[in-house]
Amino acid sequence: MGDEADYAEMLRGAGFTMLDCEDISRHVARTWWVCLRRAATRLIADDRYRRFLRNRGERDRIFALTMVRLLIAYRTGAVRYCLLTARRPD
């Protein structure tokens, strides 16, 4: 993943001019709270979820930890979600 400057450079390289960059991280971060809350509810209510997390053979179980990492990254500013607006000259 790149930062704002990386994506601006990619746009310029493709012939675009960046007009605006809006940081919408706080809106996106809320999605991860919803996901984490739903996962926690399932962990409490459904033993299949607990078995899944305890099974070291399940590759995708790391996603549970990833949700927490993403929340921390958004909170600390380590990850930003930006909406870029660009225009290609006529």
PDB file of N, CA and C in Angstrom:
ATOM      1  N   MET A   1       0.838  -1.176   0.000  1.00  0.00           N
ATOM      2  CA  MET A   1       0.000   0.000   0.000  1.00  0.00           C
ATOM      3  C   MET A   1       0.883   1.239   0.000  1.00  0.00           C
ATOM      4  N   GLY A   2       0.474   2.200  -0.770  1.00  0.00           N
ATOM      5  CA  GLY A   2       1.223   3.443  -0.836  1.00  0.00           C
ATOM      6  C   GLY A   2       0.581   4.521   0.012  1.00  0.00           C
ATOM      7  N   ASP A   3       1.244   5.659   0.048  1.00  0.00           N
ATOM      8  CA  ASP A   3       0.660   6.807   0.743  1.00  0.00           C
ATOM      9  C   ASP A   3       0.121   7.784  -0.298  1.00  0.00           C
ATOM     10  N   GLU A   4      -0.390   8.892   0.183  1.00  0.00           N
ATOM     11  CA  GLU A   4      -1.011   9.882  -0.709  1.00  0.00           C
ATOM     12  C   GLU A   4      -0.062  10.318  -1.820  1.00  0.00           C
ATOM     13  N   ALA A   5       1.203  10.559  -1.482  1.00  0.00           N
ATOM     14  CA  ALA A   5       2.193  10.999  -2.482  1.00  0.00           C
ATOM     15  C   ALA A   5       2.427   9.926  -3.538  1.00  0.00           C
ATOM     16  N   ASP A   6       2.443   8.660  -3.119  1.00  0.00           N
ATOM     17  CA  ASP A   6       2.631   7.561  -4.081  1.00  0.00           C
ATOM     18  C   ASP A   6       1.504   7.525  -5.101  1.00  0.00           C
ATOM     19  N   TYR A   7       0.280   7.647  -4.614  1.00  0.00           N
ATOM     20  CA  TYR A   7      -0.864   7.589  -5.524  1.00  0.00           C
ATOM     21  C   TYR A   7      -0.944   8.829  -6.415  1.00  0.00           C
ATOM     22  N   ALA A   8      -0.571   9.977  -5.885  1.00  0.00           N
ATOM     23  CA  ALA A   8      -0.527  11.188  -6.713  1.00  0.00           C
ATOM     24  C   ALA A   8       0.482  11.015  -7.840  1.00  0.00           C
ATOM     25  N   GLU A   9       1.624  10.420  -7.527  1.00  0.00           N
ATOM     26  CA  GLU A   9       2.649  10.174  -8.552  1.00  0.00           C
ATOM     27  C   GLU A   9       2.143   9.181  -9.602  1.00  0.00           C
ATOM     28  N   MET A  10       1.444   8.150  -9.173  1.00  0.00           N
ATOM     29  CA  MET A  10       0.883   7.185 -10.130  1.00  0.00           C
ATOM     30  C   MET A  10      -0.122   7.865 -11.051  1.00  0.00           C
ATOM     31  N   LEU A  11      -0.951   8.747 -10.490  1.00  0.00           N
ATOM     32  CA  LEU A  11      -1.906   9.492 -11.314  1.00  0.00           C
ATOM     33  C   LEU A  11      -1.183  10.340 -12.348  1.00  0.00           C
ATOM     34  N   ARG A  12      -0.148  11.057 -11.905  1.00  0.00           N
ATOM     35  CA  ARG A  12       0.625  11.893 -12.848  1.00  0.00           C
ATOM     36  C   ARG A  12       1.255  11.018 -13.931  1.00  0.00           C
ATOM     37  N   GLY A  13       1.786   9.880 -13.541  1.00  0.00           N
ATOM     38  CA  GLY A  13       2.395   8.969 -14.506  1.00  0.00           C
ATOM     39  C   GLY A  13       1.404   8.458 -15.533  1.00  0.00           C
ATOM     40  N   ALA A  14       0.135   8.394 -15.159  1.00  0.00           N
ATOM     41  CA  ALA A  14      -0.911   7.936 -16.073  1.00  0.00           C
ATOM     42  C   ALA A  14      -1.550   9.086 -16.845  1.00  0.00           C
ATOM     43  N   GLY A  15      -1.020  10.299 -16.649  1.00  0.00           N
ATOM     44  CA  GLY A  15      -1.517  11.441 -17.397  1.00  0.00           C
ATOM     45  C   GLY A  15      -2.626  12.220 -16.714  1.00  0.00           C
ATOM     46  N   PHE A  16      -2.853  11.979 -15.446  1.00  0.00           N
ATOM     47  CA  PHE A  16      -3.910  12.678 -14.708  1.00  0.00           C
ATOM     48  C   PHE A  16      -3.330  13.787 -13.845  1.00  0.00           C
ATOM     49  N   THR A  17      -4.172  14.729 -13.505  1.00  0.00           N
ATOM     50  CA  THR A  17      -3.838  15.769 -12.536  1.00  0.00           C
ATOM     51  C   THR A  17      -4.717  15.545 -11.315  1.00  0.00           C
ATOM     52  N   MET A  18      -4.093  15.442 -10.154  1.00  0.00           N
ATOM     53  CA  MET A  18      -4.879  15.234  -8.945  1.00  0.00           C
ATOM     54  C   MET A  18      -5.515  16.554  -8.530  1.00  0.00           C
ATOM     55  N   LEU A  19      -6.824  16.528  -8.341  1.00  0.00           N
ATOM     56  CA  LEU A  19      -7.568  17.715  -7.967  1.00  0.00           C
ATOM     57  C   LEU A  19      -7.798  17.810  -6.465  1.00  0.00           C
ATOM     58  N   ASP A  20      -8.028  16.658  -5.830  1.00  0.00           N
ATOM     59  CA  ASP A  20      -8.375  16.679  -4.416  1.00  0.00           C
ATOM     60  C   ASP A  20      -8.044  15.340  -3.779  1.00  0.00           C
ATOM     61  N   CYS A  21      -7.782  15.381  -2.491  1.00  0.00           N
ATOM     62  CA  CYS A  21      -7.585  14.173  -1.697  1.00  0.00           C
ATOM     63  C   CYS A  21      -8.348  14.365  -0.397  1.00  0.00           C
ATOM     64  N   GLU A  22      -9.381  13.569  -0.217  1.00  0.00           N
ATOM     65  CA  GLU A  22     -10.206  13.666   0.989  1.00  0.00           C
ATOM     66  C   GLU A  22      -9.966  12.440   1.857  1.00  0.00           C
ATOM     67  N   ASP A  23      -9.557  12.667   3.087  1.00  0.00           N
ATOM     68  CA  ASP A  23      -9.322  11.570   4.036  1.00  0.00           C
ATOM     69  C   ASP A  23     -10.668  11.144   4.623  1.00  0.00           C
ATOM     70  N   ILE A  24     -11.091   9.934   4.283  1.00  0.00           N
ATOM     71  CA  ILE A  24     -12.377   9.424   4.775  1.00  0.00           C
ATOM     72  C   ILE A  24     -12.162   8.265   5.758  1.00  0.00           C
ATOM     73  N   SER A  25     -11.003   8.240   6.368  1.00  0.00           N
ATOM     74  CA  SER A  25     -10.634   7.157   7.279  1.00  0.00           C
ATOM     75  C   SER A  25     -11.644   6.952   8.403  1.00  0.00           C
ATOM     76  N   ARG A  26     -12.109   8.020   8.998  1.00  0.00           N
ATOM     77  CA  ARG A  26     -13.003   7.860  10.147  1.00  0.00           C
ATOM     78  C   ARG A  26     -14.308   7.170   9.751  1.00  0.00           C
ATOM     79  N   HIS A  27     -14.739   7.351   8.512  1.00  0.00           N
ATOM     80  CA  HIS A  27     -15.949   6.678   8.045  1.00  0.00           C
ATOM     81  C   HIS A  27     -15.682   5.197   7.802  1.00  0.00           C
ATOM     82  N   VAL A  28     -14.541   4.887   7.240  1.00  0.00           N
ATOM     83  CA  VAL A  28     -14.176   3.506   6.932  1.00  0.00           C
ATOM     84  C   VAL A  28     -13.875   2.728   8.209  1.00  0.00           C
ATOM     85  N   ALA A  29     -13.227   3.369   9.162  1.00  0.00           N
ATOM     86  CA  ALA A  29     -12.851   2.697  10.411  1.00  0.00           C
ATOM     87  C   ALA A  29     -14.075   2.153  11.141  1.00  0.00           C
ATOM     88  N   ARG A  30     -15.199   2.840  11.019  1.00  0.00           N
ATOM     89  CA  ARG A  30     -16.423   2.362  11.683  1.00  0.00           C
ATOM     90  C   ARG A  30     -16.821   0.977  11.193  1.00  0.00           C
ATOM     91  N   THR A  31     -16.537   0.657   9.936  1.00  0.00           N
ATOM     92  CA  THR A  31     -16.848  -0.658   9.388  1.00  0.00           C
ATOM     93  C   THR A  31     -16.145  -1.746  10.188  1.00  0.00           C
ATOM     94  N   TRP A  32     -14.896  -1.493  10.568  1.00  0.00           N
ATOM     95  CA  TRP A  32     -14.124  -2.502  11.299  1.00  0.00           C
ATOM     96  C   TRP A  32     -14.657  -2.692  12.711  1.00  0.00           C
ATOM     97  N   TRP A  33     -15.206  -1.637  13.330  1.00  0.00           N
ATOM     98  CA  TRP A  33     -15.850  -1.809  14.632  1.00  0.00           C
ATOM     99  C   TRP A  33     -17.074  -2.709  14.504  1.00  0.00           C
ATOM    100  N   VAL A  34     -17.841  -2.522  13.440  1.00  0.00           N
ATOM    101  CA  VAL A  34     -19.018  -3.365  13.202  1.00  0.00           C
ATOM    102  C   VAL A  34     -18.585  -4.817  13.018  1.00  0.00           C
ATOM    103  N   CYS A  35     -17.566  -5.035  12.197  1.00  0.00           N
ATOM    104  CA  CYS A  35     -17.068  -6.398  11.959  1.00  0.00           C
ATOM    105  C   CYS A  35     -16.582  -7.043  13.248  1.00  0.00           C
ATOM    106  N   LEU A  36     -15.831  -6.298  14.040  1.00  0.00           N
ATOM    107  CA  LEU A  36     -15.296  -6.838  15.288  1.00  0.00           C
ATOM    108  C   LEU A  36     -16.418  -7.160  16.278  1.00  0.00           C
ATOM    109  N   ARG A  37     -17.394  -6.290  16.366  1.00  0.00           N
ATOM    110  CA  ARG A  37     -18.530  -6.521  17.268  1.00  0.00           C
ATOM    111  C   ARG A  37     -19.310  -7.776  16.849  1.00  0.00           C
ATOM    112  N   ARG A  38     -19.537  -7.927  15.554  1.00  0.00           N
ATOM    113  CA  ARG A  38     -20.258  -9.113  15.066  1.00  0.00           C
ATOM    114  C   ARG A  38     -19.465 -10.386  15.316  1.00  0.00           C
ATOM    115  N   ALA A  39     -18.162 -10.328  15.081  1.00  0.00           N
ATOM    116  CA  ALA A  39     -17.314 -11.501  15.323  1.00  0.00           C
ATOM    117  C   ALA A  39     -17.313 -11.864  16.806  1.00  0.00           C
ATOM    118  N   ALA A  40     -17.229 -10.872  17.679  1.00  0.00           N
ATOM    119  CA  ALA A  40     -17.237 -11.128  19.126  1.00  0.00           C
ATOM    120  C   ALA A  40     -18.560 -11.766  19.551  1.00  0.00           C
ATOM    121  N   THR A  41     -19.655 -11.288  18.980  1.00  0.00           N
ATOM    122  CA  THR A  41     -20.963 -11.858  19.293  1.00  0.00           C
ATOM    123  C   THR A  41     -21.016 -13.323  18.887  1.00  0.00           C
ATOM    124  N   ARG A  42     -20.486 -13.622  17.712  1.00  0.00           N
ATOM    125  CA  ARG A  42     -20.467 -15.014  17.239  1.00  0.00           C
ATOM    126  C   ARG A  42     -19.562 -15.881  18.103  1.00  0.00           C
ATOM    127  N   LEU A  43     -18.442 -15.338  18.541  1.00  0.00           N
ATOM    128  CA  LEU A  43     -17.533 -16.102  19.399  1.00  0.00           C
ATOM    129  C   LEU A  43     -18.215 -16.503  20.706  1.00  0.00           C
ATOM    130  N   ILE A  44     -19.022 -15.596  21.236  1.00  0.00           N
ATOM    131  CA  ILE A  44     -19.733 -15.877  22.481  1.00  0.00           C
ATOM    132  C   ILE A  44     -20.846 -16.896  22.254  1.00  0.00           C
ATOM    133  N   ALA A  45     -21.556 -16.765  21.148  1.00  0.00           N
ATOM    134  CA  ALA A  45     -22.767 -17.551  20.919  1.00  0.00           C
ATOM    135  C   ALA A  45     -22.548 -18.880  20.206  1.00  0.00           C
ATOM    136  N   ASP A  46     -21.448 -19.031  19.489  1.00  0.00           N
ATOM    137  CA  ASP A  46     -21.314 -20.191  18.604  1.00  0.00           C
ATOM    138  C   ASP A  46     -19.945 -20.864  18.789  1.00  0.00           C
ATOM    139  N   ASP A  47     -19.977 -22.085  19.259  1.00  0.00           N
ATOM    140  CA  ASP A  47     -18.735 -22.825  19.502  1.00  0.00           C
ATOM    141  C   ASP A  47     -17.931 -23.064  18.229  1.00  0.00           C
ATOM    142  N   ARG A  48     -18.590 -23.109  17.082  1.00  0.00           N
ATOM    143  CA  ARG A  48     -17.853 -23.299  15.816  1.00  0.00           C
ATOM    144  C   ARG A  48     -16.839 -22.194  15.591  1.00  0.00           C
ATOM    145  N   TYR A  49     -17.180 -20.971  15.970  1.00  0.00           N
ATOM    146  CA  TYR A  49     -16.251 -19.844  15.817  1.00  0.00           C
ATOM    147  C   TYR A  49     -15.056 -19.990  16.746  1.00  0.00           C
ATOM    148  N   ARG A  50     -15.311 -20.439  17.973  1.00  0.00           N
ATOM    149  CA  ARG A  50     -14.207 -20.640  18.917  1.00  0.00           C
ATOM    150  C   ARG A  50     -13.287 -21.757  18.450  1.00  0.00           C
ATOM    151  N   ARG A  51     -13.863 -22.847  17.927  1.00  0.00           N
ATOM    152  CA  ARG A  51     -13.034 -23.944  17.393  1.00  0.00           C
ATOM    153  C   ARG A  51     -12.204 -23.468  16.207  1.00  0.00           C
ATOM    154  N   PHE A  52     -12.799 -22.665  15.364  1.00  0.00           N
ATOM    155  CA  PHE A  52     -12.088 -22.129  14.202  1.00  0.00           C
ATOM    156  C   PHE A  52     -10.854 -21.339  14.644  1.00  0.00           C
ATOM    157  N   LEU A  53     -11.001 -20.479  15.650  1.00  0.00           N
ATOM    158  CA  LEU A  53      -9.879 -19.668  16.115  1.00  0.00           C
ATOM    159  C   LEU A  53      -8.799 -20.495  16.803  1.00  0.00           C
ATOM    160  N   ARG A  54      -9.196 -21.585  17.440  1.00  0.00           N
ATOM    161  CA  ARG A  54      -8.209 -22.437  18.124  1.00  0.00           C
ATOM    162  C   ARG A  54      -7.479 -23.365  17.156  1.00  0.00           C
ATOM    163  N   ASN A  55      -8.020 -23.582  15.970  1.00  0.00           N
ATOM    164  CA  ASN A  55      -7.446 -24.523  15.006  1.00  0.00           C
ATOM    165  C   ASN A  55      -6.286 -23.867  14.254  1.00  0.00           C
ATOM    166  N   ARG A  56      -5.063 -24.262  14.587  1.00  0.00           N
ATOM    167  CA  ARG A  56      -3.878 -23.685  13.948  1.00  0.00           C
ATOM    168  C   ARG A  56      -3.794 -24.007  12.456  1.00  0.00           C
ATOM    169  N   GLY A  57      -4.564 -24.968  12.006  1.00  0.00           N
ATOM    170  CA  GLY A  57      -4.572 -25.332  10.593  1.00  0.00           C
ATOM    171  C   GLY A  57      -5.401 -24.395   9.728  1.00  0.00           C
ATOM    172  N   GLU A  58      -6.205 -23.564  10.357  1.00  0.00           N
ATOM    173  CA  GLU A  58      -7.052 -22.613   9.618  1.00  0.00           C
ATOM    174  C   GLU A  58      -6.245 -21.376   9.253  1.00  0.00           C
ATOM    175  N   ARG A  59      -5.924 -21.241   7.986  1.00  0.00           N
ATOM    176  CA  ARG A  59      -5.141 -20.086   7.521  1.00  0.00           C
ATOM    177  C   ARG A  59      -5.831 -18.755   7.781  1.00  0.00           C
ATOM    178  N   ASP A  60      -7.137 -18.710   7.615  1.00  0.00           N
ATOM    179  CA  ASP A  60      -7.866 -17.441   7.670  1.00  0.00           C
ATOM    180  C   ASP A  60      -8.168 -16.967   9.090  1.00  0.00           C
ATOM    181  N   ARG A  61      -7.757 -17.722  10.095  1.00  0.00           N
ATOM    182  CA  ARG A  61      -8.054 -17.284  11.465  1.00  0.00           C
ATOM    183  C   ARG A  61      -7.293 -16.014  11.834  1.00  0.00           C
ATOM    184  N   ILE A  62      -6.212 -15.717  11.122  1.00  0.00           N
ATOM    185  CA  ILE A  62      -5.441 -14.498  11.371  1.00  0.00           C
ATOM    186  C   ILE A  62      -6.287 -13.248  11.124  1.00  0.00           C
ATOM    187  N   PHE A  63      -7.367 -13.402  10.358  1.00  0.00           N
ATOM    188  CA  PHE A  63      -8.223 -12.252  10.062  1.00  0.00           C
ATOM    189  C   PHE A  63      -8.817 -11.655  11.337  1.00  0.00           C
ATOM    190  N   ALA A  64      -9.094 -12.477  12.341  1.00  0.00           N
ATOM    191  CA  ALA A  64      -9.634 -11.955  13.605  1.00  0.00           C
ATOM    192  C   ALA A  64      -8.660 -10.958  14.230  1.00  0.00           C
ATOM    193  N   LEU A  65      -7.385 -11.291  14.218  1.00  0.00           N
ATOM    194  CA  LEU A  65      -6.368 -10.384  14.742  1.00  0.00           C
ATOM    195  C   LEU A  65      -6.196  -9.179  13.816  1.00  0.00           C
ATOM    196  N   THR A  66      -6.347  -9.398  12.538  1.00  0.00           N
ATOM    197  CA  THR A  66      -6.199  -8.318  11.561  1.00  0.00           C
ATOM    198  C   THR A  66      -7.249  -7.235  11.777  1.00  0.00           C
ATOM    199  N   MET A  67      -8.449  -7.609  12.164  1.00  0.00           N
ATOM    200  CA  MET A  67      -9.483  -6.597  12.436  1.00  0.00           C
ATOM    201  C   MET A  67      -9.022  -5.657  13.548  1.00  0.00           C
ATOM    202  N   VAL A  68      -8.450  -6.213  14.601  1.00  0.00           N
ATOM    203  CA  VAL A  68      -7.951  -5.395  15.710  1.00  0.00           C
ATOM    204  C   VAL A  68      -6.791  -4.524  15.233  1.00  0.00           C
ATOM    205  N   ARG A  69      -5.894  -5.091  14.453  1.00  0.00           N
ATOM    206  CA  ARG A  69      -4.759  -4.323  13.927  1.00  0.00           C
ATOM    207  C   ARG A  69      -5.218  -3.155  13.074  1.00  0.00           C
ATOM    208  N   LEU A  70      -6.221  -3.380  12.241  1.00  0.00           N
ATOM    209  CA  LEU A  70      -6.730  -2.304  11.391  1.00  0.00           C
ATOM    210  C   LEU A  70      -7.345  -1.180  12.216  1.00  0.00           C
ATOM    211  N   LEU A  71      -8.083  -1.542  13.252  1.00  0.00           N
ATOM    212  CA  LEU A  71      -8.654  -0.513  14.123  1.00  0.00           C
ATOM    213  C   LEU A  71      -7.558   0.334  14.760  1.00  0.00           C
ATOM    214  N   ILE A  72      -6.507  -0.309  15.225  1.00  0.00           N
ATOM    215  CA  ILE A  72      -5.386   0.414  15.833  1.00  0.00           C
ATOM    216  C   ILE A  72      -4.702   1.291  14.787  1.00  0.00           C
ATOM    217  N   ALA A  73      -4.515   0.751  13.589  1.00  0.00           N
ATOM    218  CA  ALA A  73      -3.848   1.503  12.524  1.00  0.00           C
ATOM    219  C   ALA A  73      -4.640   2.756  12.138  1.00  0.00           C
ATOM    220  N   TYR A  74      -5.958   2.623  12.035  1.00  0.00           N
ATOM    221  CA  TYR A  74      -6.780   3.798  11.736  1.00  0.00           C
ATOM    222  C   TYR A  74      -6.729   4.796  12.886  1.00  0.00           C
ATOM    223  N   ARG A  75      -6.801   4.301  14.117  1.00  0.00           N
ATOM    224  CA  ARG A  75      -6.798   5.179  15.294  1.00  0.00           C
ATOM    225  C   ARG A  75      -5.499   5.958  15.410  1.00  0.00           C
ATOM    226  N   THR A  76      -4.375   5.325  15.088  1.00  0.00           N
ATOM    227  CA  THR A  76      -3.071   5.985  15.226  1.00  0.00           C
ATOM    228  C   THR A  76      -2.676   6.775  13.984  1.00  0.00           C
ATOM    229  N   GLY A  77      -3.420   6.613  12.888  1.00  0.00           N
ATOM    230  CA  GLY A  77      -3.076   7.308  11.649  1.00  0.00           C
ATOM    231  C   GLY A  77      -2.060   6.562  10.799  1.00  0.00           C
ATOM    232  N   ALA A  78      -1.702   5.346  11.207  1.00  0.00           N
ATOM    233  CA  ALA A  78      -0.751   4.546  10.437  1.00  0.00           C
ATOM    234  C   ALA A  78      -1.351   4.131   9.091  1.00  0.00           C
ATOM    235  N   VAL A  79      -2.678   4.014   9.051  1.00  0.00           N
ATOM    236  CA  VAL A  79      -3.395   3.707   7.811  1.00  0.00           C
ATOM    237  C   VAL A  79      -4.429   4.802   7.605  1.00  0.00           C
ATOM    238  N   ARG A  80      -4.477   5.300   6.390  1.00  0.00           N
ATOM    239  CA  ARG A  80      -5.481   6.288   6.014  1.00  0.00           C
ATOM    240  C   ARG A  80      -6.203   5.785   4.781  1.00  0.00           C
ATOM    241  N   TYR A  81      -7.470   6.112   4.683  1.00  0.00           N
ATOM    242  CA  TYR A  81      -8.273   5.766   3.520  1.00  0.00           C
ATOM    243  C   TYR A  81      -8.664   7.082   2.883  1.00  0.00           C
ATOM    244  N   CYS A  82      -8.157   7.310   1.688  1.00  0.00           N
ATOM    245  CA  CYS A  82      -8.386   8.591   1.026  1.00  0.00           C
ATOM    246  C   CYS A  82      -9.152   8.412  -0.279  1.00  0.00           C
ATOM    247  N   LEU A  83      -9.965   9.393  -0.573  1.00  0.00           N
ATOM    248  CA  LEU A  83     -10.691   9.453  -1.830  1.00  0.00           C
ATOM    249  C   LEU A  83      -9.996  10.485  -2.697  1.00  0.00           C
ATOM    250  N   LEU A  84      -9.420  10.023  -3.804  1.00  0.00           N
ATOM    251  CA  LEU A  84      -8.691  10.907  -4.701  1.00  0.00           C
ATOM    252  C   LEU A  84      -9.599  11.292  -5.867  1.00  0.00           C
ATOM    253  N   THR A  85      -9.555  12.564  -6.226  1.00  0.00           N
ATOM    254  CA  THR A  85     -10.273  13.059  -7.394  1.00  0.00           C
ATOM    255  C   THR A  85      -9.216  13.566  -8.372  1.00  0.00           C
ATOM    256  N   ALA A  86      -9.327  13.102  -9.609  1.00  0.00           N
ATOM    257  CA  ALA A  86      -8.316  13.475 -10.620  1.00  0.00           C
ATOM    258  C   ALA A  86      -9.002  13.747 -11.952  1.00  0.00           C
ATOM    259  N   ARG A  87      -8.268  14.438 -12.794  1.00  0.00           N
ATOM    260  CA  ARG A  87      -8.781  14.744 -14.129  1.00  0.00           C
ATOM    261  C   ARG A  87      -7.664  14.496 -15.129  1.00  0.00           C
ATOM    262  N   ARG A  88      -8.059  13.920 -16.251  1.00  0.00           N
ATOM    263  CA  ARG A  88      -7.113  13.742 -17.341  1.00  0.00           C
ATOM    264  C   ARG A  88      -7.353  14.873 -18.330  1.00  0.00           C
ATOM    265  N   PRO A  89      -6.305  15.614 -18.682  1.00  0.00           N
ATOM    266  CA  PRO A  89      -6.480  16.727 -19.629  1.00  0.00           C
ATOM    267  C   PRO A  89      -7.044  16.222 -20.963  1.00  0.00           C
ATOM    268  N   ASP A  90      -7.856  17.079 -21.586  1.00  0.00           N
ATOM    269  CA  ASP A  90      -8.459  16.735 -22.890  1.00  0.00           C
ATOM    270  C   ASP A  90      -7.406  16.583 -23.947  1.00  0.00           C
TER     271      ASP A  90
END
